[in-house]
PDB file of N, CA and C in Angstrom:
ATOM      1  N   MET A   1     124.324 130.199 102.435  1.00  0.00           N
ATOM      2  CA  MET A   1     124.743 130.375 103.814  1.00  0.00           C
ATOM      3  C   MET A   1     125.544 129.150 104.237  1.00  0.00           C
ATOM      4  N   THR A   2     126.681 129.387 104.836  1.00  0.00           N
ATOM      5  CA  THR A   2     127.513 128.298 105.331  1.00  0.00           C
ATOM      6  C   THR A   2     127.160 128.016 106.788  1.00  0.00           C
ATOM      7  N   LYS A   3     127.711 126.932 107.298  1.00  0.00           N
ATOM      8  CA  LYS A   3     127.465 126.563 108.696  1.00  0.00           C
ATOM      9  C   LYS A   3     127.969 127.654 109.636  1.00  0.00           C
ATOM     10  N   SER A   4     129.139 128.205 109.371  1.00  0.00           N
ATOM     11  CA  SER A   4     129.685 129.254 110.239  1.00  0.00           C
ATOM     12  C   SER A   4     128.838 130.524 110.167  1.00  0.00           C
ATOM     13  N   GLU A   5     128.282 130.832 108.991  1.00  0.00           N
ATOM     14  CA  GLU A   5     127.387 131.981 108.868  1.00  0.00           C
ATOM     15  C   GLU A   5     126.100 131.757 109.649  1.00  0.00           C
ATOM     16  N   LEU A   6     125.605 130.531 109.648  1.00  0.00           N
ATOM     17  CA  LEU A   6     124.419 130.185 110.436  1.00  0.00           C
ATOM     18  C   LEU A   6     124.700 130.372 111.922  1.00  0.00           C
ATOM     19  N   ILE A   7     125.853 129.904 112.372  1.00  0.00           N
ATOM     20  CA  ILE A   7     126.247 130.051 113.782  1.00  0.00           C
ATOM     21  C   ILE A   7     126.330 131.526 114.154  1.00  0.00           C
ATOM     22  N   GLU A   8     126.915 132.329 113.288  1.00  0.00           N
ATOM     23  CA  GLU A   8     127.014 133.768 113.543  1.00  0.00           C
ATOM     24  C   GLU A   8     125.635 134.418 113.617  1.00  0.00           C
ATOM     25  N   ALA A   9     124.742 134.043 112.688  1.00  0.00           N
ATOM     26  CA  ALA A   9     123.397 134.621 112.660  1.00  0.00           C
ATOM     27  C   ALA A   9     122.626 134.282 113.933  1.00  0.00           C
ATOM     28  N   VAL A  10     122.724 133.036 114.377  1.00  0.00           N
ATOM     29  CA  VAL A  10     122.014 132.620 115.593  1.00  0.00           C
ATOM     30  C   VAL A  10     122.623 133.286 116.819  1.00  0.00           C
ATOM     31  N   SER A  11     123.950 133.307 116.916  1.00  0.00           N
ATOM     32  CA  SER A  11     124.588 133.889 118.102  1.00  0.00           C
ATOM     33  C   SER A  11     124.373 135.395 118.190  1.00  0.00           C
ATOM     34  N   SER A  12     124.156 136.075 117.041  1.00  0.00           N
ATOM     35  CA  SER A  12     123.877 137.510 117.092  1.00  0.00           C
ATOM     36  C   SER A  12     122.459 137.793 117.589  1.00  0.00           C
ATOM     37  N   LYS A  13     121.548 136.840 117.403  1.00  0.00           N
ATOM     38  CA  LYS A  13     120.166 137.026 117.856  1.00  0.00           C
ATOM     39  C   LYS A  13     119.936 136.515 119.277  1.00  0.00           C
ATOM     40  N   VAL A  14     120.704 135.511 119.691  1.00  0.00           N
ATOM     41  CA  VAL A  14     120.521 134.919 121.019  1.00  0.00           C
ATOM     42  C   VAL A  14     121.688 135.356 121.901  1.00  0.00           C
ATOM     43  N   LYS A  15     121.433 136.295 122.760  1.00  0.00           N
ATOM     44  CA  LYS A  15     122.499 136.865 123.598  1.00  0.00           C
ATOM     45  C   LYS A  15     122.790 136.024 124.845  1.00  0.00           C
ATOM     46  N   ASN A  16     121.891 135.071 125.170  1.00  0.00           N
ATOM     47  CA  ASN A  16     122.062 134.247 126.378  1.00  0.00           C
ATOM     48  C   ASN A  16     123.163 133.201 126.218  1.00  0.00           C
ATOM     49  N   PHE A  17     123.513 132.866 124.978  1.00  0.00           N
ATOM     50  CA  PHE A  17     124.505 131.824 124.719  1.00  0.00           C
ATOM     51  C   PHE A  17     125.740 132.431 124.060  1.00  0.00           C
ATOM     52  N   SER A  18     126.884 131.859 124.380  1.00  0.00           N
ATOM     53  CA  SER A  18     128.122 132.292 123.716  1.00  0.00           C
ATOM     54  C   SER A  18     128.152 131.698 122.305  1.00  0.00           C
ATOM     55  N   ARG A  19     129.066 132.204 121.495  1.00  0.00           N
ATOM     56  CA  ARG A  19     129.204 131.677 120.133  1.00  0.00           C
ATOM     57  C   ARG A  19     129.544 130.189 120.186  1.00  0.00           C
ATOM     58  N   ARG A  20     130.358 129.796 121.128  1.00  0.00           N
ATOM     59  CA  ARG A  20     130.739 128.377 121.278  1.00  0.00           C
ATOM     60  C   ARG A  20     129.528 127.524 121.640  1.00  0.00           C
ATOM     61  N   ASP A  21     128.648 128.029 122.514  1.00  0.00           N
ATOM     62  CA  ASP A  21     127.430 127.298 122.873  1.00  0.00           C
ATOM     63  C   ASP A  21     126.538 127.101 121.650  1.00  0.00           C
ATOM     64  N   VAL A  22     126.395 128.158 120.856  1.00  0.00           N
ATOM     65  CA  VAL A  22     125.575 128.076 119.645  1.00  0.00           C
ATOM     66  C   VAL A  22     126.187 127.073 118.669  1.00  0.00           C
ATOM     67  N   GLU A  23     127.511 127.064 118.564  1.00  0.00           N
ATOM     68  CA  GLU A  23     128.197 126.114 117.684  1.00  0.00           C
ATOM     69  C   GLU A  23     127.913 124.673 118.115  1.00  0.00           C
ATOM     70  N   ILE A  24     127.934 124.416 119.406  1.00  0.00           N
ATOM     71  CA  ILE A  24     127.632 123.074 119.934  1.00  0.00           C
ATOM     72  C   ILE A  24     126.187 122.697 119.624  1.00  0.00           C
ATOM     73  N   ILE A  25     125.265 123.644 119.777  1.00  0.00           N
ATOM     74  CA  ILE A  25     123.848 123.382 119.507  1.00  0.00           C
ATOM     75  C   ILE A  25     123.642 123.048 118.028  1.00  0.00           C
ATOM     76  N   VAL A  26     124.226 123.839 117.135  1.00  0.00           N
ATOM     77  CA  VAL A  26     124.080 123.606 115.695  1.00  0.00           C
ATOM     78  C   VAL A  26     124.702 122.265 115.312  1.00  0.00           C
ATOM     79  N   ASP A  27     125.903 121.968 115.822  1.00  0.00           N
ATOM     80  CA  ASP A  27     126.553 120.677 115.545  1.00  0.00           C
ATOM     81  C   ASP A  27     125.688 119.517 116.026  1.00  0.00           C
ATOM     82  N   THR A  28     125.136 119.640 117.219  1.00  0.00           N
ATOM     83  CA  THR A  28     124.291 118.588 117.783  1.00  0.00           C
ATOM     84  C   THR A  28     123.046 118.388 116.931  1.00  0.00           C
ATOM     85  N   MET A  29     122.461 119.480 116.475  1.00  0.00           N
ATOM     86  CA  MET A  29     121.271 119.393 115.634  1.00  0.00           C
ATOM     87  C   MET A  29     121.583 118.657 114.329  1.00  0.00           C
ATOM     88  N   PHE A  30     122.678 119.031 113.660  1.00  0.00           N
ATOM     89  CA  PHE A  30     123.040 118.372 112.409  1.00  0.00           C
ATOM     90  C   PHE A  30     123.399 116.900 112.619  1.00  0.00           C
ATOM     91  N   LYS A  31     124.102 116.593 113.694  1.00  0.00           N
ATOM     92  CA  LYS A  31     124.455 115.197 113.973  1.00  0.00           C
ATOM     93  C   LYS A  31     123.219 114.370 114.255  1.00  0.00           C
ATOM     94  N   SER A  32     122.265 114.929 114.989  1.00  0.00           N
ATOM     95  CA  SER A  32     121.016 114.219 115.291  1.00  0.00           C
ATOM     96  C   SER A  32     120.218 113.955 114.020  1.00  0.00           C
ATOM     97  N   MET A  33     120.157 114.953 113.148  1.00  0.00           N
ATOM     98  CA  MET A  33     119.444 114.784 111.884  1.00  0.00           C
ATOM     99  C   MET A  33     120.128 113.720 111.027  1.00  0.00           C
ATOM    100  N   SER A  34     121.445 113.765 110.948  1.00  0.00           N
ATOM    101  CA  SER A  34     122.200 112.790 110.152  1.00  0.00           C
ATOM    102  C   SER A  34     122.000 111.377 110.681  1.00  0.00           C
ATOM    103  N   GLU A  35     122.035 111.233 111.996  1.00  0.00           N
ATOM    104  CA  GLU A  35     121.853 109.913 112.613  1.00  0.00           C
ATOM    105  C   GLU A  35     120.450 109.379 112.337  1.00  0.00           C
ATOM    106  N   SER A  36     119.442 110.229 112.424  1.00  0.00           N
ATOM    107  CA  SER A  36     118.069 109.799 112.134  1.00  0.00           C
ATOM    108  C   SER A  36     117.944 109.351 110.681  1.00  0.00           C
ATOM    109  N   LEU A  37     118.535 110.098 109.761  1.00  0.00           N
ATOM    110  CA  LEU A  37     118.490 109.711 108.354  1.00  0.00           C
ATOM    111  C   LEU A  37     119.239 108.405 108.116  1.00  0.00           C
ATOM    112  N   ARG A  38     120.355 108.227 108.803  1.00  0.00           N
ATOM    113  CA  ARG A  38     121.123 106.987 108.664  1.00  0.00           C
ATOM    114  C   ARG A  38     120.286 105.779 109.082  1.00  0.00           C
ATOM    115  N   LYS A  39     119.443 105.972 110.094  1.00  0.00           N
ATOM    116  CA  LYS A  39     118.564 104.902 110.583  1.00  0.00           C
ATOM    117  C   LYS A  39     117.350 104.697 109.680  1.00  0.00           C
ATOM    118  N   GLY A  40     117.190 105.565 108.675  1.00  0.00           N
ATOM    119  CA  GLY A  40     116.063 105.445 107.765  1.00  0.00           C
ATOM    120  C   GLY A  40     114.832 106.214 108.222  1.00  0.00           C
ATOM    121  N   GLU A  41     114.984 107.037 109.252  1.00  0.00           N
ATOM    122  CA  GLU A  41     113.866 107.820 109.761  1.00  0.00           C
ATOM    123  C   GLU A  41     113.718 109.111 108.962  1.00  0.00           C
ATOM    124  N   LYS A  42     112.520 109.661 108.981  1.00  0.00           N
ATOM    125  CA  LYS A  42     112.242 110.935 108.307  1.00  0.00           C
ATOM    126  C   LYS A  42     112.471 112.059 109.308  1.00  0.00           C
ATOM    127  N   VAL A  43     113.054 113.172 108.845  1.00  0.00           N
ATOM    128  CA  VAL A  43     113.274 114.344 109.689  1.00  0.00           C
ATOM    129  C   VAL A  43     112.384 115.460 109.145  1.00  0.00           C
ATOM    130  N   GLU A  44     111.466 115.940 109.980  1.00  0.00           N
ATOM    131  CA  GLU A  44     110.540 116.980 109.547  1.00  0.00           C
ATOM    132  C   GLU A  44     110.682 118.206 110.426  1.00  0.00           C
ATOM    133  N   ILE A  45     110.881 119.353 109.788  1.00  0.00           N
ATOM    134  CA  ILE A  45     110.973 120.631 110.500  1.00  0.00           C
ATOM    135  C   ILE A  45     109.792 121.466 110.024  1.00  0.00           C
ATOM    136  N   ARG A  46     108.799 121.609 110.896  1.00  0.00           N
ATOM    137  CA  ARG A  46     107.563 122.315 110.534  1.00  0.00           C
ATOM    138  C   ARG A  46     107.878 123.727 110.050  1.00  0.00           C
ATOM    139  N   GLY A  47     107.238 124.113 108.965  1.00  0.00           N
ATOM    140  CA  GLY A  47     107.443 125.436 108.398  1.00  0.00           C
ATOM    141  C   GLY A  47     108.677 125.547 107.526  1.00  0.00           C
ATOM    142  N   PHE A  48     109.478 124.497 107.444  1.00  0.00           N
ATOM    143  CA  PHE A  48     110.699 124.528 106.642  1.00  0.00           C
ATOM    144  C   PHE A  48     110.666 123.440 105.576  1.00  0.00           C
ATOM    145  N   GLY A  49     110.627 122.184 106.005  1.00  0.00           N
ATOM    146  CA  GLY A  49     110.605 121.075 105.059  1.00  0.00           C
ATOM    147  C   GLY A  49     110.929 119.765 105.728  1.00  0.00           C
ATOM    148  N   SER A  50     111.087 118.730 104.925  1.00  0.00           N
ATOM    149  CA  SER A  50     111.392 117.411 105.472  1.00  0.00           C
ATOM    150  C   SER A  50     112.523 116.758 104.686  1.00  0.00           C
ATOM    151  N   PHE A  51     113.265 115.939 105.399  1.00  0.00           N
ATOM    152  CA  PHE A  51     114.374 115.180 104.833  1.00  0.00           C
ATOM    153  C   PHE A  51     114.024 113.701 104.958  1.00  0.00           C
ATOM    154  N   LYS A  52     114.335 112.938 103.928  1.00  0.00           N
ATOM    155  CA  LYS A  52     114.194 111.494 104.020  1.00  0.00           C
ATOM    156  C   LYS A  52     115.253 110.852 103.146  1.00  0.00           C
ATOM    157  N   VAL A  53     115.403 109.557 103.287  1.00  0.00           N
ATOM    158  CA  VAL A  53     116.397 108.823 102.513  1.00  0.00           C
ATOM    159  C   VAL A  53     115.680 108.045 101.420  1.00  0.00           C
ATOM    160  N   LYS A  54     116.166 108.168 100.208  1.00  0.00           N
ATOM    161  CA  LYS A  54     115.628 107.402  99.087  1.00  0.00           C
ATOM    162  C   LYS A  54     116.626 106.317  98.729  1.00  0.00           C
ATOM    163  N   GLU A  55     116.086 105.163  98.399  1.00  0.00           N
ATOM    164  CA  GLU A  55     116.914 104.011  98.018  1.00  0.00           C
ATOM    165  C   GLU A  55     117.048 103.975  96.492  1.00  0.00           C
ATOM    166  N   ARG A  56     118.264 103.850  96.030  1.00  0.00           N
ATOM    167  CA  ARG A  56     118.505 103.683  94.597  1.00  0.00           C
ATOM    168  C   ARG A  56     118.941 102.241  94.356  1.00  0.00           C
ATOM    169  N   ASP A  57     118.300 101.571  93.426  1.00  0.00           N
ATOM    170  CA  ASP A  57     118.662 100.195  93.098  1.00  0.00           C
ATOM    171  C   ASP A  57     119.982 100.160  92.352  1.00  0.00           C
ATOM    172  N   GLY A  58     120.647  99.010  92.449  1.00  0.00           N
ATOM    173  CA  GLY A  58     121.848  98.799  91.648  1.00  0.00           C
ATOM    174  C   GLY A  58     121.438  98.696  90.188  1.00  0.00           C
ATOM    175  N   ARG A  59     122.347  99.074  89.301  1.00  0.00           N
ATOM    176  CA  ARG A  59     122.011  99.039  87.878  1.00  0.00           C
ATOM    177  C   ARG A  59     123.260  98.862  87.046  1.00  0.00           C
ATOM    178  N   GLN A  60     123.023  98.550  85.806  1.00  0.00           N
ATOM    179  CA  GLN A  60     124.119  98.415  84.862  1.00  0.00           C
ATOM    180  C   GLN A  60     124.360  99.783  84.226  1.00  0.00           C
ATOM    181  N   GLY A  61     125.600 100.263  84.283  1.00  0.00           N
ATOM    182  CA  GLY A  61     125.951 101.559  83.706  1.00  0.00           C
ATOM    183  C   GLY A  61     127.001 101.397  82.632  1.00  0.00           C
ATOM    184  N   ARG A  62     127.537 102.531  82.191  1.00  0.00           N
ATOM    185  CA  ARG A  62     128.540 102.493  81.133  1.00  0.00           C
ATOM    186  C   ARG A  62     129.616 103.521  81.448  1.00  0.00           C
ATOM    187  N   ASN A  63     130.866 103.103  81.340  1.00  0.00           N
ATOM    188  CA  ASN A  63     131.992 104.013  81.485  1.00  0.00           C
ATOM    189  C   ASN A  63     132.014 104.901  80.239  1.00  0.00           C
ATOM    190  N   PRO A  64     131.813 106.229  80.404  1.00  0.00           N
ATOM    191  CA  PRO A  64     131.743 107.085  79.216  1.00  0.00           C
ATOM    192  C   PRO A  64     133.055 107.184  78.437  1.00  0.00           C
ATOM    193  N   LYS A  65     134.169 106.959  79.104  1.00  0.00           N
ATOM    194  CA  LYS A  65     135.469 107.068  78.427  1.00  0.00           C
ATOM    195  C   LYS A  65     135.747 105.850  77.539  1.00  0.00           C
ATOM    196  N   SER A  66     135.508 104.649  78.119  1.00  0.00           N
ATOM    197  CA  SER A  66     135.854 103.441  77.382  1.00  0.00           C
ATOM    198  C   SER A  66     134.641 102.751  76.749  1.00  0.00           C
ATOM    199  N   GLY A  67     133.439 103.109  77.196  1.00  0.00           N
ATOM    200  CA  GLY A  67     132.246 102.455  76.679  1.00  0.00           C
ATOM    201  C   GLY A  67     131.977 101.116  77.334  1.00  0.00           C
ATOM    202  N   GLU A  68     132.853 100.712  78.245  1.00  0.00           N
ATOM    203  CA  GLU A  68     132.739  99.424  78.921  1.00  0.00           C
ATOM    204  C   GLU A  68     131.571  99.443  79.912  1.00  0.00           C
ATOM    205  N   GLY A  69     130.830  98.344  79.979  1.00  0.00           N
ATOM    206  CA  GLY A  69     129.726  98.215  80.924  1.00  0.00           C
ATOM    207  C   GLY A  69     130.254  98.017  82.337  1.00  0.00           C
ATOM    208  N   ILE A  70     129.645  98.705  83.308  1.00  0.00           N
ATOM    209  CA  ILE A  70     130.044  98.555  84.712  1.00  0.00           C
ATOM    210  C   ILE A  70     128.783  98.437  85.566  1.00  0.00           C
ATOM    211  N   TYR A  71     128.939  97.829  86.729  1.00  0.00           N
ATOM    212  CA  TYR A  71     127.819  97.706  87.658  1.00  0.00           C
ATOM    213  C   TYR A  71     127.883  98.852  88.660  1.00  0.00           C
ATOM    214  N   ILE A  72     126.775  99.539  88.829  1.00  0.00           N
ATOM    215  CA  ILE A  72     126.668 100.617  89.804  1.00  0.00           C
ATOM    216  C   ILE A  72     125.898 100.061  90.997  1.00  0.00           C
ATOM    217  N   ALA A  73     126.548 100.054  92.146  1.00  0.00           N
ATOM    218  CA  ALA A  73     125.980  99.456  93.359  1.00  0.00           C
ATOM    219  C   ALA A  73     124.763 100.241  93.857  1.00  0.00           C
ATOM    220  N   PRO A  74     123.853  99.564  94.555  1.00  0.00           N
ATOM    221  CA  PRO A  74     122.719 100.286  95.147  1.00  0.00           C
ATOM    222  C   PRO A  74     123.218 101.267  96.199  1.00  0.00           C
ATOM    223  N   LYS A  75     122.476 102.365  96.382  1.00  0.00           N
ATOM    224  CA  LYS A  75     122.902 103.351  97.374  1.00  0.00           C
ATOM    225  C   LYS A  75     121.697 104.075  97.945  1.00  0.00           C
ATOM    226  N   ARG A  76     121.941 104.742  99.047  1.00  0.00           N
ATOM    227  CA  ARG A  76     120.921 105.535  99.717  1.00  0.00           C
ATOM    228  C   ARG A  76     121.332 106.999  99.610  1.00  0.00           C
ATOM    229  N   ILE A  77     120.378 107.861  99.238  1.00  0.00           N
ATOM    230  CA  ILE A  77     120.690 109.281  99.100  1.00  0.00           C
ATOM    231  C   ILE A  77     119.688 110.111  99.895  1.00  0.00           C
ATOM    232  N   PRO A  78     120.164 111.211 100.511  1.00  0.00           N
ATOM    233  CA  PRO A  78     119.241 112.086 101.231  1.00  0.00           C
ATOM    234  C   PRO A  78     118.423 112.910 100.235  1.00  0.00           C
ATOM    235  N   PHE A  79     117.174 113.164 100.589  1.00  0.00           N
ATOM    236  CA  PHE A  79     116.267 113.918  99.738  1.00  0.00           C
ATOM    237  C   PHE A  79     115.556 114.951 100.596  1.00  0.00           C
ATOM    238  N   PHE A  80     115.491 116.201 100.113  1.00  0.00           N
ATOM    239  CA  PHE A  80     114.823 117.278 100.843  1.00  0.00           C
ATOM    240  C   PHE A  80     113.597 117.727 100.076  1.00  0.00           C
ATOM    241  N   LYS A  81     112.487 117.898 100.785  1.00  0.00           N
ATOM    242  CA  LYS A  81     111.276 118.433 100.189  1.00  0.00           C
ATOM    243  C   LYS A  81     110.887 119.675 100.972  1.00  0.00           C
ATOM    244  N   ALA A  82     110.853 120.809 100.298  1.00  0.00           N
ATOM    245  CA  ALA A  82     110.503 122.074 100.950  1.00  0.00           C
ATOM    246  C   ALA A  82     109.053 122.056 101.396  1.00  0.00           C
ATOM    247  N   GLY A  83     108.804 122.640 102.566  1.00  0.00           N
ATOM    248  CA  GLY A  83     107.452 122.736 103.096  1.00  0.00           C
ATOM    249  C   GLY A  83     106.682 123.884 102.461  1.00  0.00           C
ATOM    250  N   LYS A  84     105.381 123.858 102.634  1.00  0.00           N
ATOM    251  CA  LYS A  84     104.504 124.868 102.052  1.00  0.00           C
ATOM    252  C   LYS A  84     104.876 126.276 102.523  1.00  0.00           C
ATOM    253  N   GLU A  85     105.113 126.441 103.827  1.00  0.00           N
ATOM    254  CA  GLU A  85     105.447 127.763 104.361  1.00  0.00           C
ATOM    255  C   GLU A  85     106.755 128.300 103.786  1.00  0.00           C
ATOM    256  N   LEU A  86     107.750 127.449 103.616  1.00  0.00           N
ATOM    257  CA  LEU A  86     109.029 127.872 103.034  1.00  0.00           C
ATOM    258  C   LEU A  86     108.832 128.321 101.590  1.00  0.00           C
ATOM    259  N   LYS A  87     108.067 127.558 100.833  1.00  0.00           N
ATOM    260  CA  LYS A  87     107.786 127.922  99.446  1.00  0.00           C
ATOM    261  C   LYS A  87     107.088 129.276  99.383  1.00  0.00           C
ATOM    262  N   GLU A  88     106.136 129.495 100.278  1.00  0.00           N
ATOM    263  CA  GLU A  88     105.409 130.765 100.297  1.00  0.00           C
ATOM    264  C   GLU A  88     106.333 131.928 100.659  1.00  0.00           C
ATOM    265  N   ARG A  89     107.229 131.719 101.646  1.00  0.00           N
ATOM    266  CA  ARG A  89     108.167 132.778 102.030  1.00  0.00           C
ATOM    267  C   ARG A  89     109.129 133.129 100.897  1.00  0.00           C
ATOM    268  N   ILE A  90     109.574 132.125 100.177  1.00  0.00           N
ATOM    269  CA  ILE A  90     110.512 132.342  99.072  1.00  0.00           C
ATOM    270  C   ILE A  90     109.837 133.109  97.937  1.00  0.00           C
ATOM    271  N   ASN A  91     108.597 132.767  97.668  1.00  0.00           N
ATOM    272  CA  ASN A  91     107.879 133.371  96.535  1.00  0.00           C
ATOM    273  C   ASN A  91     107.101 134.626  96.908  1.00  0.00           C
ATOM    274  N   LYS A  92     107.210 135.040  98.146  1.00  0.00           N
ATOM    275  CA  LYS A  92     106.481 136.230  98.591  1.00  0.00           C
ATOM    276  C   LYS A  92     107.033 137.458  97.876  1.00  0.00           C
ATOM    277  N   THR A  93     106.139 138.240  97.290  1.00  0.00           N
ATOM    278  CA  THR A  93     106.552 139.470  96.612  1.00  0.00           C
ATOM    279  C   THR A  93     106.207 140.649  97.495  1.00  0.00           C
ATOM    280  N   SER A  94     107.227 141.337  97.951  1.00  0.00           N
ATOM    281  CA  SER A  94     106.979 142.520  98.789  1.00  0.00           C
ATOM    282  C   SER A  94     108.011 143.588  98.541  1.00  0.00           C
TER     283      SER A  94
END
């Protein structure tokens, strides 16, 4: 599902808001989540899952083309862990 498909799905179910209003709400939600992760905070959506940032240390790597050693800088990456309810919904056999 893409962001625009999500906006369409929400706007088809919520008749009180225009498609543009739903787009603003979805954008605001994603920006708020991104900002919280940037600050190092955990984002938890009950019944869905949680997002957090993991720190990767810098390390010595190798250029696969030339074989030359290179330094890979430390970085922060987002990590998602599915919640119990989401796992159950996905694996539900009906």
